[in-house]
Amino acid sequence: MDQELYNSIKISDRKITYIEEFEGKYFIGLENGELVITDGKFNILKQEKVLKERIVKICVIENEIYVMGCENRIVKYRII
């Protein structure tokens, strides 16, 4: 297990609740409703609070991001 963690990266102080990869970018949902977008090397490109509750699902379709919270609320964002 120690050998697996030598290259670990800290993204946030909050618990990660969902990770989705799309076209070399990672879309990471946190327990506080923040969405973190990173590149393939986990450099943070954007971080924004999108929901008031924990993120349970992220779906990326073409240029749109759908984020669902634990209360089944879905928000849609467009990638520009």
Protein backbone atom coordinates (compact mmCIF):
# COMPACT_ATOMS: atom_id res chain seq x y z
CA MET A 1 0.00 0.00 0.00
CA ASP A 2 2.85 2.43 0.75
CA GLN A 3 4.16 2.07 -2.78
CA GLU A 4 0.77 3.07 -4.19
CA LEU A 5 0.69 6.37 -2.26
CA TYR A 6 4.09 7.79 -3.19
CA ASN A 7 2.54 9.93 -5.92
CA SER A 8 -0.67 11.02 -4.17
CA ILE A 9 -2.06 14.51 -4.76
CA LYS A 10 -4.31 16.49 -2.44
CA ILE A 11 -7.20 18.11 -4.33
CA SER A 12 -9.26 19.41 -1.41
CA ASP A 13 -9.72 19.31 2.35
CA ARG A 14 -13.23 17.97 1.70
CA LYS A 15 -14.20 14.37 0.97
CA ILE A 16 -14.36 13.44 -2.72
CA THR A 17 -17.75 11.90 -3.49
CA TYR A 18 -17.56 11.37 -7.27
CA ILE A 19 -14.96 11.39 -10.08
CA GLU A 20 -15.70 11.42 -13.82
CA GLU A 21 -13.04 11.48 -16.57
CA PHE A 22 -13.81 13.02 -19.96
CA GLU A 23 -11.35 13.86 -22.75
CA GLY A 24 -8.32 13.99 -20.45
CA LYS A 25 -9.98 16.12 -17.76
CA TYR A 26 -11.25 14.99 -14.38
CA PHE A 27 -14.51 16.31 -12.96
CA ILE A 28 -14.46 15.81 -9.20
CA GLY A 29 -17.48 16.25 -6.93
CA LEU A 30 -17.00 17.06 -3.25
CA GLU A 31 -19.17 16.51 -0.18
CA ASN A 32 -19.82 20.26 0.18
CA GLY A 33 -21.24 20.66 -3.35
CA GLU A 34 -18.08 21.93 -5.02
CA LEU A 35 -17.11 20.83 -8.51
CA VAL A 36 -13.37 20.69 -9.21
CA ILE A 37 -12.10 20.35 -12.78
CA THR A 38 -8.51 19.22 -13.28
CA ASP A 39 -6.28 18.30 -16.18
CA GLY A 40 -4.79 14.84 -16.62
CA LYS A 41 -2.03 15.61 -14.09
CA PHE A 42 -4.58 16.85 -11.52
CA ASN A 43 -3.67 20.52 -11.80
CA ILE A 44 -6.82 22.41 -10.81
CA LEU A 45 -8.33 24.27 -13.77
CA LYS A 46 -11.54 25.43 -12.07
CA GLN A 47 -13.21 25.05 -8.70
CA GLU A 48 -16.76 26.24 -8.03
CA LYS A 49 -19.56 25.57 -5.56
CA VAL A 50 -22.46 24.34 -7.72
CA LEU A 51 -24.79 22.73 -5.16
CA LYS A 52 -25.66 23.16 -1.48
CA GLU A 53 -25.47 19.41 -0.88
CA ARG A 54 -23.07 16.55 -1.61
CA ILE A 55 -22.44 15.72 -5.29
CA VAL A 56 -23.41 12.10 -6.07
CA LYS A 57 -23.18 11.96 -9.88
CA ILE A 58 -21.44 13.86 -12.68
CA CYS A 59 -22.15 13.23 -16.34
CA VAL A 60 -20.33 14.99 -19.19
CA ILE A 61 -21.97 14.89 -22.62
CA GLU A 62 -20.17 16.77 -25.40
CA ASN A 63 -19.91 20.33 -24.04
CA GLU A 64 -22.35 20.06 -21.12
CA ILE A 65 -21.81 18.98 -17.51
CA TYR A 66 -24.72 17.56 -15.52
CA VAL A 67 -24.24 17.46 -11.74
CA MET A 68 -26.65 15.69 -9.38
CA GLY A 69 -26.78 16.23 -5.63
CA CYS A 70 -27.90 13.90 -2.86
CA GLU A 71 -31.38 15.48 -2.89
CA ASN A 72 -31.78 14.50 -6.60
CA ARG A 73 -31.37 18.10 -7.79
CA ILE A 74 -29.61 18.35 -11.16
CA VAL A 75 -27.78 21.40 -12.46
CA LYS A 76 -26.43 21.82 -15.99
CA TYR A 77 -23.32 23.75 -17.02
CA ARG A 78 -21.95 24.42 -20.46
CA ILE A 79 -18.22 24.01 -21.19
CA ILE A 80 -16.96 27.02 -23.13
